[in-house]
mmCIF file of all heavy atoms, coordinates in Angstrom:
data_MODEL
# 
_entry.id   MODEL 
# 
loop_
_atom_site.group_PDB 
_atom_site.id 
_atom_site.type_symbol 
_atom_site.label_atom_id 
_atom_site.label_alt_id 
_atom_site.label_comp_id 
_atom_site.label_asym_id 
_atom_site.label_entity_id 
_atom_site.label_seq_id 
_atom_site.pdbx_PDB_ins_code 
_atom_site.Cartn_x 
_atom_site.Cartn_y 
_atom_site.Cartn_z 
_atom_site.occupancy 
_atom_site.B_iso_or_equiv 
_atom_site.pdbx_formal_charge 
_atom_site.auth_seq_id 
_atom_site.auth_comp_id 
_atom_site.auth_asym_id 
_atom_site.auth_atom_id 
_atom_site.pdbx_PDB_model_num 
ATOM 1   N N   . MET A 1 1  ? 0.810   -1.220  0.000  1.00 0.00 ? 1  MET A N   1 
ATOM 2   C CA  . MET A 1 1  ? 0.000   0.000   0.000  1.00 0.00 ? 1  MET A CA  1 
ATOM 3   C C   . MET A 1 1  ? 0.842   1.268   0.000  1.00 0.00 ? 1  MET A C   1 
ATOM 4   O O   . MET A 1 1  ? 0.343   2.336   -0.328 1.00 0.00 ? 1  MET A O   1 
ATOM 5   C CB  . MET A 1 1  ? -0.913  0.039   1.228  1.00 0.00 ? 1  MET A CB  1 
ATOM 6   C CG  . MET A 1 1  ? -2.120  -0.830  1.151  1.00 0.00 ? 1  MET A CG  1 
ATOM 7   S SD  . MET A 1 1  ? -3.052  -0.607  2.680  1.00 0.00 ? 1  MET A SD  1 
ATOM 8   C CE  . MET A 1 1  ? -4.603  -1.272  2.187  1.00 0.00 ? 1  MET A CE  1 
ATOM 9   N N   . GLY A 1 2  ? 2.092   1.150   0.396  1.00 0.00 ? 2  GLY A N   1 
ATOM 10  C CA  . GLY A 1 2  ? 2.959   2.321   0.439  1.00 0.00 ? 2  GLY A CA  1 
ATOM 11  C C   . GLY A 1 2  ? 3.020   3.059   -0.881 1.00 0.00 ? 2  GLY A C   1 
ATOM 12  O O   . GLY A 1 2  ? 3.158   4.290   -0.913 1.00 0.00 ? 2  GLY A O   1 
ATOM 13  N N   . GLU A 1 3  ? 2.901   2.325   -1.974 1.00 0.00 ? 3  GLU A N   1 
ATOM 14  C CA  . GLU A 1 3  ? 2.952   2.947   -3.303 1.00 0.00 ? 3  GLU A CA  1 
ATOM 15  C C   . GLU A 1 3  ? 1.834   3.968   -3.497 1.00 0.00 ? 3  GLU A C   1 
ATOM 16  O O   . GLU A 1 3  ? 1.977   4.907   -4.268 1.00 0.00 ? 3  GLU A O   1 
ATOM 17  C CB  . GLU A 1 3  ? 2.851   1.869   -4.386 1.00 0.00 ? 3  GLU A CB  1 
ATOM 18  C CG  . GLU A 1 3  ? 4.021   0.903   -4.394 1.00 0.00 ? 3  GLU A CG  1 
ATOM 19  C CD  . GLU A 1 3  ? 3.834   -0.217  -5.404 1.00 0.00 ? 3  GLU A CD  1 
ATOM 20  O OE1 . GLU A 1 3  ? 2.878   -0.156  -6.196 1.00 0.00 ? 3  GLU A OE1 1 
ATOM 21  O OE2 . GLU A 1 3  ? 4.662   -1.148  -5.399 1.00 0.00 ? 3  GLU A OE2 1 
ATOM 22  N N   . LEU A 1 4  ? 0.729   3.796   -2.774 1.00 0.00 ? 4  LEU A N   1 
ATOM 23  C CA  . LEU A 1 4  ? -0.406  4.717   -2.917 1.00 0.00 ? 4  LEU A CA  1 
ATOM 24  C C   . LEU A 1 4  ? -0.065  6.126   -2.441 1.00 0.00 ? 4  LEU A C   1 
ATOM 25  O O   . LEU A 1 4  ? -0.695  7.085   -2.864 1.00 0.00 ? 4  LEU A O   1 
ATOM 26  C CB  . LEU A 1 4  ? -1.621  4.183   -2.149 1.00 0.00 ? 4  LEU A CB  1 
ATOM 27  C CG  . LEU A 1 4  ? -2.147  2.823   -2.604 1.00 0.00 ? 4  LEU A CG  1 
ATOM 28  C CD1 . LEU A 1 4  ? -3.210  2.315   -1.647 1.00 0.00 ? 4  LEU A CD1 1 
ATOM 29  C CD2 . LEU A 1 4  ? -2.713  2.913   -4.020 1.00 0.00 ? 4  LEU A CD2 1 
ATOM 30  N N   . VAL A 1 5  ? 0.918   6.227   -1.531 1.00 0.00 ? 5  VAL A N   1 
ATOM 31  C CA  . VAL A 1 5  ? 1.314   7.550   -1.035 1.00 0.00 ? 5  VAL A CA  1 
ATOM 32  C C   . VAL A 1 5  ? 2.795   7.830   -1.329 1.00 0.00 ? 5  VAL A C   1 
ATOM 33  O O   . VAL A 1 5  ? 3.444   8.590   -0.633 1.00 0.00 ? 5  VAL A O   1 
ATOM 34  C CB  . VAL A 1 5  ? 1.018   7.687   0.477  1.00 0.00 ? 5  VAL A CB  1 
ATOM 35  C CG1 . VAL A 1 5  ? -0.474  7.685   0.745  1.00 0.00 ? 5  VAL A CG1 1 
ATOM 36  C CG2 . VAL A 1 5  ? 1.713   6.597   1.284  1.00 0.00 ? 5  VAL A CG2 1 
ATOM 37  N N   . ASP A 1 6  ? 3.309   7.188   -2.362 1.00 0.00 ? 6  ASP A N   1 
ATOM 38  C CA  . ASP A 1 6  ? 4.685   7.391   -2.818 1.00 0.00 ? 6  ASP A CA  1 
ATOM 39  C C   . ASP A 1 6  ? 5.722   7.129   -1.733 1.00 0.00 ? 6  ASP A C   1 
ATOM 40  O O   . ASP A 1 6  ? 6.646   7.911   -1.527 1.00 0.00 ? 6  ASP A O   1 
ATOM 41  C CB  . ASP A 1 6  ? 4.870   8.817   -3.360 1.00 0.00 ? 6  ASP A CB  1 
ATOM 42  C CG  . ASP A 1 6  ? 3.947   9.095   -4.525 1.00 0.00 ? 6  ASP A CG  1 
ATOM 43  O OD1 . ASP A 1 6  ? 3.757   8.177   -5.348 1.00 0.00 ? 6  ASP A OD1 1 
ATOM 44  O OD2 . ASP A 1 6  ? 3.397   10.206  -4.605 1.00 0.00 ? 6  ASP A OD2 1 
ATOM 45  N N   . THR A 1 7  ? 5.559   6.039   -1.010 1.00 0.00 ? 7  THR A N   1 
ATOM 46  C CA  . THR A 1 7  ? 6.565   5.640   -0.045 1.00 0.00 ? 7  THR A CA  1 
ATOM 47  C C   . THR A 1 7  ? 6.803   4.140   -0.201 1.00 0.00 ? 7  THR A C   1 
ATOM 48  O O   . THR A 1 7  ? 5.972   3.431   -0.765 1.00 0.00 ? 7  THR A O   1 
ATOM 49  C CB  . THR A 1 7  ? 6.144   5.969   1.405  1.00 0.00 ? 7  THR A CB  1 
ATOM 50  O OG1 . THR A 1 7  ? 7.228   5.692   2.286  1.00 0.00 ? 7  THR A OG1 1 
ATOM 51  C CG2 . THR A 1 7  ? 4.930   5.164   1.839  1.00 0.00 ? 7  THR A CG2 1 
ATOM 52  N N   . THR A 1 8  ? 7.941   3.693   0.250  1.00 0.00 ? 8  THR A N   1 
ATOM 53  C CA  . THR A 1 8  ? 8.259   2.265   0.136  1.00 0.00 ? 8  THR A CA  1 
ATOM 54  C C   . THR A 1 8  ? 8.681   1.731   1.506  1.00 0.00 ? 8  THR A C   1 
ATOM 55  O O   . THR A 1 8  ? 9.862   1.599   1.794  1.00 0.00 ? 8  THR A O   1 
ATOM 56  C CB  . THR A 1 8  ? 9.396   2.038   -0.887 1.00 0.00 ? 8  THR A CB  1 
ATOM 57  O OG1 . THR A 1 8  ? 10.500  2.895   -0.535 1.00 0.00 ? 8  THR A OG1 1 
ATOM 58  C CG2 . THR A 1 8  ? 8.953   2.340   -2.283 1.00 0.00 ? 8  THR A CG2 1 
ATOM 59  N N   . PRO A 1 9  ? 7.676   1.441   2.353  1.00 0.00 ? 9  PRO A N   1 
ATOM 60  C CA  . PRO A 1 9  ? 8.023   0.900   3.673  1.00 0.00 ? 9  PRO A CA  1 
ATOM 61  C C   . PRO A 1 9  ? 8.639   -0.483  3.547  1.00 0.00 ? 9  PRO A C   1 
ATOM 62  O O   . PRO A 1 9  ? 8.269   -1.256  2.661  1.00 0.00 ? 9  PRO A O   1 
ATOM 63  C CB  . PRO A 1 9  ? 6.678   0.843   4.398  1.00 0.00 ? 9  PRO A CB  1 
ATOM 64  C CG  . PRO A 1 9  ? 5.666   0.764   3.312  1.00 0.00 ? 9  PRO A CG  1 
ATOM 65  C CD  . PRO A 1 9  ? 6.241   1.532   2.146  1.00 0.00 ? 9  PRO A CD  1 
ATOM 66  N N   . GLY A 1 10 ? 9.588   -0.758  4.411  1.00 0.00 ? 10 GLY A N   1 
ATOM 67  C CA  . GLY A 1 10 ? 10.168  -2.092  4.441  1.00 0.00 ? 10 GLY A CA  1 
ATOM 68  C C   . GLY A 1 10 ? 9.196   -3.077  5.061  1.00 0.00 ? 10 GLY A C   1 
ATOM 69  O O   . GLY A 1 10 ? 8.265   -2.687  5.786  1.00 0.00 ? 10 GLY A O   1 
ATOM 70  N N   . TYR A 1 11 ? 9.401   -4.349  4.788  1.00 0.00 ? 11 TYR A N   1 
ATOM 71  C CA  . TYR A 1 11 ? 8.494   -5.359  5.341  1.00 0.00 ? 11 TYR A CA  1 
ATOM 72  C C   . TYR A 1 11 ? 8.566   -5.361  6.866  1.00 0.00 ? 11 TYR A C   1 
ATOM 73  O O   . TYR A 1 11 ? 7.558   -5.530  7.550  1.00 0.00 ? 11 TYR A O   1 
ATOM 74  C CB  . TYR A 1 11 ? 8.821   -6.747  4.791  1.00 0.00 ? 11 TYR A CB  1 
ATOM 75  C CG  . TYR A 1 11 ? 7.820   -7.782  5.232  1.00 0.00 ? 11 TYR A CG  1 
ATOM 76  C CD1 . TYR A 1 11 ? 6.578   -7.860  4.612  1.00 0.00 ? 11 TYR A CD1 1 
ATOM 77  C CD2 . TYR A 1 11 ? 8.086   -8.650  6.287  1.00 0.00 ? 11 TYR A CD2 1 
ATOM 78  C CE1 . TYR A 1 11 ? 5.629   -8.793  5.028  1.00 0.00 ? 11 TYR A CE1 1 
ATOM 79  C CE2 . TYR A 1 11 ? 7.150   -9.576  6.702  1.00 0.00 ? 11 TYR A CE2 1 
ATOM 80  C CZ  . TYR A 1 11 ? 5.922   -9.647  6.077  1.00 0.00 ? 11 TYR A CZ  1 
ATOM 81  O OH  . TYR A 1 11 ? 4.983   -10.555 6.497  1.00 0.00 ? 11 TYR A OH  1 
ATOM 82  N N   . HIS A 1 12 ? 9.764   -5.129  7.405  1.00 0.00 ? 12 HIS A N   1 
ATOM 83  C CA  . HIS A 1 12 ? 9.925   -5.127  8.857  1.00 0.00 ? 12 HIS A CA  1 
ATOM 84  C C   . HIS A 1 12 ? 9.082   -4.036  9.507  1.00 0.00 ? 12 HIS A C   1 
ATOM 85  O O   . HIS A 1 12 ? 8.393   -4.274  10.510 1.00 0.00 ? 12 HIS A O   1 
ATOM 86  C CB  . HIS A 1 12 ? 11.406  -4.945  9.210  1.00 0.00 ? 12 HIS A CB  1 
ATOM 87  C CG  . HIS A 1 12 ? 11.683  -5.053  10.674 1.00 0.00 ? 12 HIS A CG  1 
ATOM 88  N ND1 . HIS A 1 12 ? 11.531  -3.979  11.533 1.00 0.00 ? 12 HIS A ND1 1 
ATOM 89  C CD2 . HIS A 1 12 ? 12.077  -6.097  11.440 1.00 0.00 ? 12 HIS A CD2 1 
ATOM 90  C CE1 . HIS A 1 12 ? 11.832  -4.370  12.762 1.00 0.00 ? 12 HIS A CE1 1 
ATOM 91  N NE2 . HIS A 1 12 ? 12.165  -5.653  12.727 1.00 0.00 ? 12 HIS A NE2 1 
ATOM 92  N N   . ASP A 1 13 ? 9.112   -2.815  8.942  1.00 0.00 ? 13 ASP A N   1 
ATOM 93  C CA  . ASP A 1 13 ? 8.314   -1.712  9.489  1.00 0.00 ? 13 ASP A CA  1 
ATOM 94  C C   . ASP A 1 13 ? 6.821   -1.990  9.325  1.00 0.00 ? 13 ASP A C   1 
ATOM 95  O O   . ASP A 1 13 ? 6.023   -1.684  10.213 1.00 0.00 ? 13 ASP A O   1 
ATOM 96  C CB  . ASP A 1 13 ? 8.689   -0.395  8.814  1.00 0.00 ? 13 ASP A CB  1 
ATOM 97  C CG  . ASP A 1 13 ? 10.110  0.032   9.139  1.00 0.00 ? 13 ASP A CG  1 
ATOM 98  O OD1 . ASP A 1 13 ? 10.571  -0.268  10.256 1.00 0.00 ? 13 ASP A OD1 1 
ATOM 99  O OD2 . ASP A 1 13 ? 10.766  0.640   8.274  1.00 0.00 ? 13 ASP A OD2 1 
ATOM 100 N N   . SER A 1 14 ? 6.443   -2.563  8.192  1.00 0.00 ? 14 SER A N   1 
ATOM 101 C CA  . SER A 1 14 ? 5.042   -2.925  7.967  1.00 0.00 ? 14 SER A CA  1 
ATOM 102 C C   . SER A 1 14 ? 4.597   -3.982  8.974  1.00 0.00 ? 14 SER A C   1 
ATOM 103 O O   . SER A 1 14 ? 3.482   -3.934  9.495  1.00 0.00 ? 14 SER A O   1 
ATOM 104 C CB  . SER A 1 14 ? 4.853   -3.462  6.548  1.00 0.00 ? 14 SER A CB  1 
ATOM 105 O OG  . SER A 1 14 ? 5.211   -2.495  5.591  1.00 0.00 ? 14 SER A OG  1 
ATOM 106 N N   . PHE A 1 15 ? 5.494   -4.915  9.274  1.00 0.00 ? 15 PHE A N   1 
ATOM 107 C CA  . PHE A 1 15 ? 5.181   -5.954  10.247 1.00 0.00 ? 15 PHE A CA  1 
ATOM 108 C C   . PHE A 1 15 ? 5.004   -5.361  11.639 1.00 0.00 ? 15 PHE A C   1 
ATOM 109 O O   . PHE A 1 15 ? 4.110   -5.770  12.390 1.00 0.00 ? 15 PHE A O   1 
ATOM 110 C CB  . PHE A 1 15 ? 6.262   -7.035  10.262 1.00 0.00 ? 15 PHE A CB  1 
ATOM 111 C CG  . PHE A 1 15 ? 5.938   -8.184  11.171 1.00 0.00 ? 15 PHE A CG  1 
ATOM 112 C CD1 . PHE A 1 15 ? 5.130   -9.218  10.724 1.00 0.00 ? 15 PHE A CD1 1 
ATOM 113 C CD2 . PHE A 1 15 ? 6.405   -8.221  12.461 1.00 0.00 ? 15 PHE A CD2 1 
ATOM 114 C CE1 . PHE A 1 15 ? 4.795   -10.273 11.562 1.00 0.00 ? 15 PHE A CE1 1 
ATOM 115 C CE2 . PHE A 1 15 ? 6.082   -9.269  13.314 1.00 0.00 ? 15 PHE A CE2 1 
ATOM 116 C CZ  . PHE A 1 15 ? 5.273   -10.297 12.859 1.00 0.00 ? 15 PHE A CZ  1 
ATOM 117 N N   . MET A 1 16 ? 5.858   -4.376  11.991 1.00 0.00 ? 16 MET A N   1 
ATOM 118 C CA  . MET A 1 16 ? 5.723   -3.745  13.306 1.00 0.00 ? 16 MET A CA  1 
ATOM 119 C C   . MET A 1 16 ? 4.343   -3.097  13.456 1.00 0.00 ? 16 MET A C   1 
ATOM 120 O O   . MET A 1 16 ? 3.697   -3.223  14.494 1.00 0.00 ? 16 MET A O   1 
ATOM 121 C CB  . MET A 1 16 ? 6.838   -2.715  13.539 1.00 0.00 ? 16 MET A CB  1 
ATOM 122 C CG  . MET A 1 16 ? 8.178   -3.345  13.870 1.00 0.00 ? 16 MET A CG  1 
ATOM 123 S SD  . MET A 1 16 ? 9.377   -2.202  14.609 1.00 0.00 ? 16 MET A SD  1 
ATOM 124 C CE  . MET A 1 16 ? 9.728   -1.119  13.245 1.00 0.00 ? 16 MET A CE  1 
ATOM 125 N N   . LEU A 1 17 ? 3.893   -2.407  12.408 1.00 0.00 ? 17 LEU A N   1 
ATOM 126 C CA  . LEU A 1 17 ? 2.577   -1.780  12.468 1.00 0.00 ? 17 LEU A CA  1 
ATOM 127 C C   . LEU A 1 17 ? 1.476   -2.838  12.535 1.00 0.00 ? 17 LEU A C   1 
ATOM 128 O O   . LEU A 1 17 ? 0.537   -2.724  13.339 1.00 0.00 ? 17 LEU A O   1 
ATOM 129 C CB  . LEU A 1 17 ? 2.356   -0.863  11.265 1.00 0.00 ? 17 LEU A CB  1 
ATOM 130 C CG  . LEU A 1 17 ? 1.048   -0.059  11.285 1.00 0.00 ? 17 LEU A CG  1 
ATOM 131 C CD1 . LEU A 1 17 ? 1.023   0.901   12.476 1.00 0.00 ? 17 LEU A CD1 1 
ATOM 132 C CD2 . LEU A 1 17 ? 0.870   0.706   9.982  1.00 0.00 ? 17 LEU A CD2 1 
ATOM 133 N N   . ALA A 1 18 ? 1.600   -3.880  11.725 1.00 0.00 ? 18 ALA A N   1 
ATOM 134 C CA  . ALA A 1 18 ? 0.589   -4.947  11.717 1.00 0.00 ? 18 ALA A CA  1 
ATOM 135 C C   . ALA A 1 18 ? 0.547   -5.690  13.047 1.00 0.00 ? 18 ALA A C   1 
ATOM 136 O O   . ALA A 1 18 ? -0.496  -6.218  13.432 1.00 0.00 ? 18 ALA A O   1 
ATOM 137 C CB  . ALA A 1 18 ? 0.878   -5.930  10.572 1.00 0.00 ? 18 ALA A CB  1 
ATOM 138 N N   . ALA A 1 19 ? 1.668   -5.729  13.759 1.00 0.00 ? 19 ALA A N   1 
ATOM 139 C CA  . ALA A 1 19 ? 1.723   -6.428  15.046 1.00 0.00 ? 19 ALA A CA  1 
ATOM 140 C C   . ALA A 1 19 ? 1.188   -5.575  16.185 1.00 0.00 ? 19 ALA A C   1 
ATOM 141 O O   . ALA A 1 19 ? 0.562   -6.089  17.110 1.00 0.00 ? 19 ALA A O   1 
ATOM 142 C CB  . ALA A 1 19 ? 3.163   -6.844  15.347 1.00 0.00 ? 19 ALA A CB  1 
ATOM 143 N N   . ILE A 1 20 ? 1.396   -4.266  16.119 1.00 0.00 ? 20 ILE A N   1 
ATOM 144 C CA  . ILE A 1 20 ? 1.023   -3.395  17.237 1.00 0.00 ? 20 ILE A CA  1 
ATOM 145 C C   . ILE A 1 20 ? -0.401  -2.867  17.110 1.00 0.00 ? 20 ILE A C   1 
ATOM 146 O O   . ILE A 1 20 ? -1.122  -2.742  18.101 1.00 0.00 ? 20 ILE A O   1 
ATOM 147 C CB  . ILE A 1 20 ? 2.041   -2.249  17.359 1.00 0.00 ? 20 ILE A CB  1 
ATOM 148 C CG1 . ILE A 1 20 ? 3.374   -2.833  17.832 1.00 0.00 ? 20 ILE A CG1 1 
ATOM 149 C CG2 . ILE A 1 20 ? 1.561   -1.166  18.315 1.00 0.00 ? 20 ILE A CG2 1 
ATOM 150 C CD1 . ILE A 1 20 ? 4.530   -1.921  17.742 1.00 0.00 ? 20 ILE A CD1 1 
ATOM 151 N N   . ALA A 1 21 ? -0.849  -2.573  15.890 1.00 0.00 ? 21 ALA A N   1 
ATOM 152 C CA  . ALA A 1 21 ? -2.176  -1.967  15.694 1.00 0.00 ? 21 ALA A CA  1 
ATOM 153 C C   . ALA A 1 21 ? -3.331  -2.774  16.287 1.00 0.00 ? 21 ALA A C   1 
ATOM 154 O O   . ALA A 1 21 ? -4.262  -2.189  16.841 1.00 0.00 ? 21 ALA A O   1 
ATOM 155 C CB  . ALA A 1 21 ? -2.408  -1.700  14.212 1.00 0.00 ? 21 ALA A CB  1 
ATOM 156 N N   . PRO A 1 22 ? -3.328  -4.117  16.218 1.00 0.00 ? 22 PRO A N   1 
ATOM 157 C CA  . PRO A 1 22 ? -4.480  -4.842  16.766 1.00 0.00 ? 22 PRO A CA  1 
ATOM 158 C C   . PRO A 1 22 ? -4.453  -5.038  18.279 1.00 0.00 ? 22 PRO A C   1 
ATOM 159 O O   . PRO A 1 22 ? -5.342  -5.683  18.834 1.00 0.00 ? 22 PRO A O   1 
ATOM 160 C CB  . PRO A 1 22 ? -4.431  -6.198  16.050 1.00 0.00 ? 22 PRO A CB  1 
ATOM 161 C CG  . PRO A 1 22 ? -3.059  -6.342  15.541 1.00 0.00 ? 22 PRO A CG  1 
ATOM 162 C CD  . PRO A 1 22 ? -2.454  -4.983  15.423 1.00 0.00 ? 22 PRO A CD  1 
ATOM 163 N N   . THR A 1 23 ? -3.471  -4.469  18.965 1.00 0.00 ? 23 THR A N   1 
ATOM 164 C CA  . THR A 1 23 ? -3.356  -4.659  20.419 1.00 0.00 ? 23 THR A CA  1 
ATOM 165 C C   . THR A 1 23 ? -4.661  -4.367  21.156 1.00 0.00 ? 23 THR A C   1 
ATOM 166 O O   . THR A 1 23 ? -5.117  -5.183  21.970 1.00 0.00 ? 23 THR A O   1 
ATOM 167 C CB  . THR A 1 23 ? -2.197  -3.819  20.987 1.00 0.00 ? 23 THR A CB  1 
ATOM 168 O OG1 . THR A 1 23 ? -0.983  -4.211  20.341 1.00 0.00 ? 23 THR A OG1 1 
ATOM 169 C CG2 . THR A 1 23 ? -2.055  -4.025  22.488 1.00 0.00 ? 23 THR A CG2 1 
ATOM 170 N N   . PRO A 1 24 ? -5.316  -3.206  20.922 1.00 0.00 ? 24 PRO A N   1 
ATOM 171 C CA  . PRO A 1 24 ? -6.578  -2.961  21.637 1.00 0.00 ? 24 PRO A CA  1 
ATOM 172 C C   . PRO A 1 24 ? -7.658  -3.995  21.332 1.00 0.00 ? 24 PRO A C   1 
ATOM 173 O O   . PRO A 1 24 ? -8.455  -4.349  22.206 1.00 0.00 ? 24 PRO A O   1 
ATOM 174 C CB  . PRO A 1 24 ? -7.008  -1.571  21.147 1.00 0.00 ? 24 PRO A CB  1 
ATOM 175 C CG  . PRO A 1 24 ? -5.756  -0.927  20.661 1.00 0.00 ? 24 PRO A CG  1 
ATOM 176 C CD  . PRO A 1 24 ? -4.925  -2.042  20.110 1.00 0.00 ? 24 PRO A CD  1 
ATOM 177 N N   . LEU A 1 25 ? -7.683  -4.501  20.098 1.00 0.00 ? 25 LEU A N   1 
ATOM 178 C CA  . LEU A 1 25 ? -8.684  -5.504  19.738 1.00 0.00 ? 25 LEU A CA  1 
ATOM 179 C C   . LEU A 1 25 ? -8.432  -6.820  20.471 1.00 0.00 ? 25 LEU A C   1 
ATOM 180 O O   . LEU A 1 25 ? -9.372  -7.475  20.934 1.00 0.00 ? 25 LEU A O   1 
ATOM 181 C CB  . LEU A 1 25 ? -8.699  -5.723  18.227 1.00 0.00 ? 25 LEU A CB  1 
ATOM 182 C CG  . LEU A 1 25 ? -9.206  -4.527  17.420 1.00 0.00 ? 25 LEU A CG  1 
ATOM 183 C CD1 . LEU A 1 25 ? -8.937  -4.725  15.935 1.00 0.00 ? 25 LEU A CD1 1 
ATOM 184 C CD2 . LEU A 1 25 ? -10.688 -4.313  17.660 1.00 0.00 ? 25 LEU A CD2 1 
ATOM 185 N N   . TRP A 1 26 ? -7.168  -7.209  20.560 1.00 0.00 ? 26 TRP A N   1 
ATOM 186 C CA  . TRP A 1 26 ? -6.843  -8.421  21.317 1.00 0.00 ? 26 TRP A CA  1 
ATOM 187 C C   . TRP A 1 26 ? -7.257  -8.255  22.777 1.00 0.00 ? 26 TRP A C   1 
ATOM 188 O O   . TRP A 1 26 ? -7.878  -9.132  23.356 1.00 0.00 ? 26 TRP A O   1 
ATOM 189 C CB  . TRP A 1 26 ? -5.354  -8.741  21.216 1.00 0.00 ? 26 TRP A CB  1 
ATOM 190 C CG  . TRP A 1 26 ? -4.932  -9.319  19.912 1.00 0.00 ? 26 TRP A CG  1 
ATOM 191 C CD1 . TRP A 1 26 ? -5.632  -10.198 19.137 1.00 0.00 ? 26 TRP A CD1 1 
ATOM 192 C CD2 . TRP A 1 26 ? -3.712  -9.072  19.213 1.00 0.00 ? 26 TRP A CD2 1 
ATOM 193 N NE1 . TRP A 1 26 ? -4.904  -10.511 18.006 1.00 0.00 ? 26 TRP A NE1 1 
ATOM 194 C CE2 . TRP A 1 26 ? -3.715  -9.839  18.025 1.00 0.00 ? 26 TRP A CE2 1 
ATOM 195 C CE3 . TRP A 1 26 ? -2.584  -8.287  19.469 1.00 0.00 ? 26 TRP A CE3 1 
ATOM 196 C CZ2 . TRP A 1 26 ? -2.677  -9.846  17.114 1.00 0.00 ? 26 TRP A CZ2 1 
ATOM 197 C CZ3 . TRP A 1 26 ? -1.538  -8.287  18.557 1.00 0.00 ? 26 TRP A CZ3 1 
ATOM 198 C CH2 . TRP A 1 26 ? -1.587  -9.053  17.387 1.00 0.00 ? 26 TRP A CH2 1 
ATOM 199 N N   . LEU A 1 27 ? -6.916  -7.110  23.361 1.00 0.00 ? 27 LEU A N   1 
ATOM 200 C CA  . LEU A 1 27 ? -7.226  -6.874  24.769 1.00 0.00 ? 27 LEU A CA  1 
ATOM 201 C C   . LEU A 1 27 ? -8.731  -6.728  25.007 1.00 0.00 ? 27 LEU A C   1 
ATOM 202 O O   . LEU A 1 27 ? -9.225  -7.059  26.086 1.00 0.00 ? 27 LEU A O   1 
ATOM 203 C CB  . LEU A 1 27 ? -6.491  -5.624  25.271 1.00 0.00 ? 27 LEU A CB  1 
ATOM 204 C CG  . LEU A 1 27 ? -4.960  -5.729  25.300 1.00 0.00 ? 27 LEU A CG  1 
ATOM 205 C CD1 . LEU A 1 27 ? -4.344  -4.399  25.708 1.00 0.00 ? 27 LEU A CD1 1 
ATOM 206 C CD2 . LEU A 1 27 ? -4.505  -6.841  26.245 1.00 0.00 ? 27 LEU A CD2 1 
# 
């Protein structure tokens, strides 16, 4: 999705966001 806003996030950074964002839902 980074291409939609002209950025190229690394997979590691994307993984960090994907891992942290659902924290409230898990809790």
